[in-house]
N, C-alpha and C. Protein backbone atom coordinates (compact mmCIF):
# COMPACT_ATOMS: atom_id res chain seq x y z
N UNK A 1 -17.36 82.29 154.59
CA UNK A 1 -18.17 82.56 154.36
C UNK A 1 -18.75 82.47 152.79
N UNK A 2 -20.20 81.22 152.65
CA UNK A 2 -20.54 81.01 151.57
C UNK A 2 -21.51 81.86 150.48
N UNK A 3 -21.25 81.62 149.38
CA UNK A 3 -22.63 82.15 148.54
C UNK A 3 -23.32 80.98 148.31
N UNK A 4 -24.24 81.20 148.32
CA UNK A 4 -25.52 80.04 147.57
C UNK A 4 -26.57 79.87 146.94
N UNK A 5 -26.28 79.49 145.57
CA UNK A 5 -26.48 80.08 144.47
C UNK A 5 -27.38 78.76 144.81
N UNK A 6 -28.70 79.43 143.92
CA UNK A 6 -29.57 77.94 143.69
C UNK A 6 -29.66 78.09 142.57
N UNK A 7 -29.97 77.01 141.71
CA UNK A 7 -30.84 77.40 140.48
C UNK A 7 -32.25 75.99 140.40
N UNK A 8 -33.08 76.81 139.61
CA UNK A 8 -34.26 75.93 139.70
C UNK A 8 -33.85 74.43 138.28
N UNK A 9 -34.43 73.21 139.25
CA UNK A 9 -34.98 72.73 137.67
C UNK A 9 -35.59 72.02 137.59
N UNK A 10 -36.24 72.36 138.12
CA UNK A 10 -38.57 72.33 138.09
C UNK A 10 -38.92 73.80 137.50
N UNK A 11 -40.53 72.94 136.96
CA UNK A 11 -41.11 74.77 137.08
C UNK A 11 -41.63 74.46 138.28
N UNK A 12 -41.93 76.65 137.93
CA UNK A 12 -42.28 76.78 139.16
C UNK A 12 -43.68 76.67 140.45
N UNK A 13 -44.24 76.26 139.53
CA UNK A 13 -45.27 75.06 140.31
C UNK A 13 -44.56 73.98 141.23
N UNK A 14 -43.66 73.31 141.34
CA UNK A 14 -43.18 72.79 141.99
C UNK A 14 -42.30 73.44 142.78
N UNK A 15 -41.62 74.16 142.15
CA UNK A 15 -40.94 74.92 143.84
C UNK A 15 -41.95 76.01 144.62
N UNK A 16 -43.18 76.23 143.90
CA UNK A 16 -43.82 76.79 144.94
C UNK A 16 -44.70 75.85 145.96
N UNK A 17 -45.29 74.69 145.63
CA UNK A 17 -45.40 73.52 146.24
C UNK A 17 -44.60 73.02 147.14
N UNK A 18 -43.12 73.40 147.34
CA UNK A 18 -42.07 73.12 148.49
C UNK A 18 -41.88 74.18 149.51
N UNK A 19 -41.89 75.26 148.65
CA UNK A 19 -41.77 76.73 149.53
C UNK A 19 -42.10 76.41 151.07
N UNK A 20 -43.07 75.97 152.07
CA UNK A 20 -43.49 76.19 153.39
C UNK A 20 -42.07 75.64 154.28
N UNK A 21 -42.22 74.31 153.33
CA UNK A 21 -40.48 73.07 154.29
C UNK A 21 -38.91 73.83 154.16
N UNK A 22 -39.50 74.33 152.83
CA UNK A 22 -37.70 75.21 152.34
C UNK A 22 -38.09 76.83 153.41
N UNK A 23 -39.16 77.41 153.45
CA UNK A 23 -38.55 78.17 154.38
C UNK A 23 -38.81 77.73 155.98
N UNK A 24 -38.90 76.67 156.33
CA UNK A 24 -38.49 76.04 157.94
C UNK A 24 -37.49 75.89 157.09
N UNK A 25 -37.15 75.22 157.23
CA UNK A 25 -35.41 75.07 156.65
C UNK A 25 -34.88 76.14 156.71
N UNK A 26 -35.26 77.21 155.60
CA UNK A 26 -34.40 78.72 156.05
C UNK A 26 -34.25 79.00 157.32
N UNK A 27 -35.27 78.68 157.95
CA UNK A 27 -35.61 79.26 159.76
C UNK A 27 -34.63 79.13 160.67
N UNK A 28 -34.66 77.72 160.82
CA UNK A 28 -33.66 76.67 161.39
C UNK A 28 -32.15 77.36 161.49
N UNK A 29 -31.84 77.60 160.03
CA UNK A 29 -30.46 77.96 160.03
C UNK A 29 -30.35 79.37 160.39
N UNK A 30 -31.15 79.88 159.52
CA UNK A 30 -31.21 81.47 160.59
C UNK A 30 -30.87 81.48 161.95
N UNK A 31 -31.78 80.85 162.87
CA UNK A 31 -32.57 80.64 163.71
C UNK A 31 -30.56 80.56 164.63
N UNK A 32 -30.02 79.51 164.13
CA UNK A 32 -29.07 79.20 165.07
C UNK A 32 -27.09 80.04 164.30
N UNK A 33 -27.95 81.15 163.41
CA UNK A 33 -26.58 82.01 163.10
C UNK A 33 -25.90 81.97 161.45
N UNK A 34 -26.39 80.76 161.07
CA UNK A 34 -25.67 80.32 160.29
C UNK A 34 -25.99 80.81 158.37
N UNK A 35 -27.32 80.72 158.60
CA UNK A 35 -27.43 81.88 157.04
C UNK A 35 -28.06 83.15 157.98
N UNK A 36 -27.30 84.46 156.87
CA UNK A 36 -27.60 85.54 157.31
C UNK A 36 -28.48 86.62 156.26
N UNK A 37 -28.22 86.14 154.79
CA UNK A 37 -29.72 86.71 154.16
C UNK A 37 -30.10 85.68 153.03
N UNK A 38 -31.27 85.25 152.33
CA UNK A 38 -31.21 85.27 151.32
C UNK A 38 -32.56 85.91 150.40
N UNK A 39 -32.61 85.14 149.67
CA UNK A 39 -33.70 86.19 148.90
C UNK A 39 -33.55 85.05 147.05
N UNK A 40 -34.73 85.65 146.16
CA UNK A 40 -35.07 85.15 145.49
C UNK A 40 -34.32 85.67 144.11
N UNK A 41 -33.72 85.15 142.59
CA UNK A 41 -33.06 85.92 141.97
C UNK A 41 -34.40 86.65 141.28
N UNK A 42 -33.63 87.55 140.48
CA UNK A 42 -34.27 88.78 139.56
C UNK A 42 -34.31 88.25 137.72
N UNK A 43 -34.46 88.40 137.05
CA UNK A 43 -35.33 87.16 137.45
C UNK A 43 -35.94 85.76 138.63
N UNK A 44 -36.71 85.95 138.22
CA UNK A 44 -36.78 84.04 139.58
C UNK A 44 -36.70 82.89 138.49
N UNK A 45 -35.41 82.47 138.80
CA UNK A 45 -34.61 81.17 138.18
C UNK A 45 -34.24 80.64 139.05
N UNK A 46 -34.03 81.55 139.92
CA UNK A 46 -33.53 80.47 141.95
C UNK A 46 -33.69 81.38 142.85
N UNK A 47 -32.70 81.20 143.63
CA UNK A 47 -31.97 82.19 144.84
C UNK A 47 -30.96 82.19 145.49
N UNK A 48 -31.08 83.08 146.45
CA UNK A 48 -29.04 82.80 146.75
C UNK A 48 -29.50 82.66 148.20
N UNK A 49 -28.13 82.48 148.60
CA UNK A 49 -28.41 82.56 150.42
C UNK A 49 -27.28 83.12 151.18
N UNK A 50 -26.24 83.72 151.47
CA UNK A 50 -25.33 84.14 152.79
C UNK A 50 -25.28 83.23 153.72
N UNK A 51 -23.99 82.31 153.79
CA UNK A 51 -23.83 81.48 155.38
C UNK A 51 -22.79 81.55 155.46
N UNK A 52 -22.42 81.23 157.12
CA UNK A 52 -21.30 82.15 156.90
C UNK A 52 -21.21 80.87 158.75
N UNK A 53 -19.81 80.92 159.41
CA UNK A 53 -19.81 79.97 160.83
C UNK A 53 -19.67 79.11 160.47
N UNK A 54 -19.31 78.28 159.54
CA UNK A 54 -19.65 76.28 159.17
C UNK A 54 -18.37 76.28 158.22
N UNK A 55 -18.24 74.73 158.50
CA UNK A 55 -16.61 74.36 157.60
C UNK A 55 -18.05 73.79 156.30
N UNK A 56 -16.72 73.29 155.21
CA UNK A 56 -17.72 73.04 154.21
C UNK A 56 -18.62 71.58 153.93
N UNK A 57 -18.04 70.75 155.03
CA UNK A 57 -17.95 69.62 154.93
C UNK A 57 -19.77 70.10 155.73
N UNK A 58 -19.60 70.39 156.47
CA UNK A 58 -20.86 70.88 157.35
C UNK A 58 -22.00 71.49 156.16
N UNK A 59 -21.69 72.95 155.73
CA UNK A 59 -22.31 73.16 154.94
C UNK A 59 -22.91 72.67 153.99
N UNK A 60 -22.61 71.40 153.62
CA UNK A 60 -22.97 70.33 152.31
C UNK A 60 -23.76 69.76 152.76
N UNK A 61 -23.54 68.96 154.30
CA UNK A 61 -24.57 68.61 154.86
C UNK A 61 -26.27 69.33 154.75
N UNK A 62 -25.99 70.98 155.42
CA UNK A 62 -26.60 71.72 155.19
C UNK A 62 -27.36 71.74 154.48
N UNK A 63 -26.76 71.48 153.52
CA UNK A 63 -27.66 71.77 151.72
C UNK A 63 -28.02 70.86 151.57
N UNK A 64 -27.60 69.22 151.81
CA UNK A 64 -28.40 68.47 151.64
C UNK A 64 -30.09 68.19 152.01
N UNK A 65 -29.79 69.08 153.25
CA UNK A 65 -31.49 69.09 154.10
C UNK A 65 -32.57 69.69 153.55
N UNK A 66 -32.49 70.41 152.81
CA UNK A 66 -32.88 71.47 152.25
C UNK A 66 -34.37 70.94 151.13
N UNK A 67 -35.42 70.88 151.17
CA UNK A 67 -36.44 70.21 150.28
C UNK A 67 -36.01 70.07 149.00
N UNK A 68 -35.81 71.20 148.93
CA UNK A 68 -35.94 71.48 147.38
C UNK A 68 -34.43 71.07 146.39
N UNK A 69 -33.68 70.59 147.69
CA UNK A 69 -32.24 69.22 147.24
C UNK A 69 -33.06 68.35 147.29
N UNK A 70 -33.76 67.80 148.23
CA UNK A 70 -33.81 66.43 148.57
C UNK A 70 -35.03 65.67 147.66
N UNK A 71 -35.68 66.93 147.27
CA UNK A 71 -36.94 66.33 145.95
C UNK A 71 -36.28 67.31 144.08
N UNK A 72 -34.91 67.79 144.63
CA UNK A 72 -34.00 67.76 143.45
C UNK A 72 -34.92 68.94 141.97
N UNK A 73 -36.03 69.95 142.92
CA UNK A 73 -36.21 70.93 142.28
C UNK A 73 -35.62 72.17 142.06
N UNK A 74 -34.25 72.13 142.06
CA UNK A 74 -32.92 73.12 142.55
C UNK A 74 -31.54 72.46 142.78
N UNK A 75 -30.83 72.94 142.28
CA UNK A 75 -29.36 72.91 142.14
C UNK A 75 -28.63 73.98 142.88
N UNK A 76 -27.98 73.43 143.70
CA UNK A 76 -27.16 74.18 144.90
C UNK A 76 -25.78 74.35 143.78
N UNK A 77 -24.88 76.13 144.32
CA UNK A 77 -23.53 76.10 143.53
C UNK A 77 -22.92 76.90 144.77
N UNK A 78 -21.73 76.88 145.33
CA UNK A 78 -21.18 77.06 146.39
C UNK A 78 -20.22 77.67 145.80
N UNK A 79 -20.04 79.13 146.67
CA UNK A 79 -18.61 80.09 146.06
C UNK A 79 -18.31 80.63 147.54
N UNK A 80 -17.16 80.07 147.34
CA UNK A 80 -16.51 80.65 149.22
C UNK A 80 -15.83 81.92 148.72
N UNK A 81 -15.88 82.59 149.77
CA UNK A 81 -15.43 84.18 149.94
C UNK A 81 -15.20 84.31 150.97
N UNK A 82 -13.29 84.97 151.20
CA UNK A 82 -13.51 85.79 152.16
C UNK A 82 -12.78 86.77 152.84
N UNK A 83 -14.40 88.39 152.86
CA UNK A 83 -14.02 89.37 152.93
C UNK A 83 -13.01 89.98 153.52
N UNK A 84 -12.96 91.01 152.97
CA UNK A 84 -11.86 91.54 153.28
C UNK A 84 -11.71 93.04 152.78
N UNK A 85 -13.70 93.59 153.17
CA UNK A 85 -13.92 94.35 153.55
C UNK A 85 -15.25 94.83 153.60
N UNK A 86 -15.85 95.81 154.54
CA UNK A 86 -17.05 96.01 154.45
C UNK A 86 -17.31 96.81 154.85
N UNK A 87 -18.66 97.70 153.96
CA UNK A 87 -18.94 98.81 154.55
C UNK A 87 -19.02 99.58 156.18
N UNK A 88 -19.60 100.00 157.12
CA UNK A 88 -19.02 100.26 157.85
C UNK A 88 -20.35 100.13 158.26
N UNK A 89 -20.47 99.22 159.67
CA UNK A 89 -21.88 98.58 160.24
C UNK A 89 -21.89 97.49 159.93
N UNK A 90 -21.29 97.06 158.71
CA UNK A 90 -22.09 95.15 157.98
C UNK A 90 -21.16 94.43 158.89
N UNK A 91 -19.89 94.94 159.82
CA UNK A 91 -18.85 94.02 160.04
C UNK A 91 -19.56 93.19 161.35
N UNK A 92 -20.48 93.89 161.62
CA UNK A 92 -21.21 92.83 162.69
C UNK A 92 -22.55 91.91 162.36
N UNK A 93 -22.65 92.31 161.55
CA UNK A 93 -23.75 90.69 160.90
C UNK A 93 -22.80 89.71 160.92
N UNK A 94 -21.64 90.07 159.69
CA UNK A 94 -20.77 89.26 159.16
C UNK A 94 -19.76 88.55 160.12
N UNK A 95 -19.32 89.33 161.15
CA UNK A 95 -18.20 88.79 161.98
C UNK A 95 -18.71 87.97 162.26
């Protein structure tokens, strides 16, 4: 499992202009089960995505498809996590 942390590199106006494309990108990977959670950081300096079920090489390819990455408006930081505990009911989401 991976935590993908996005740090915005450009003004929010440039981020907002790419949001429709970025959301379509997210939708594609939610549909195949790779992404299970995403959202904005607070304050709005970036975002976060929880990903699962892929190896690091595949994940890097997925990250490079993001319009935010392609346009240089955001930079990803990837943290790999091996879950050892979950709250009741959460294991079915992350399993």
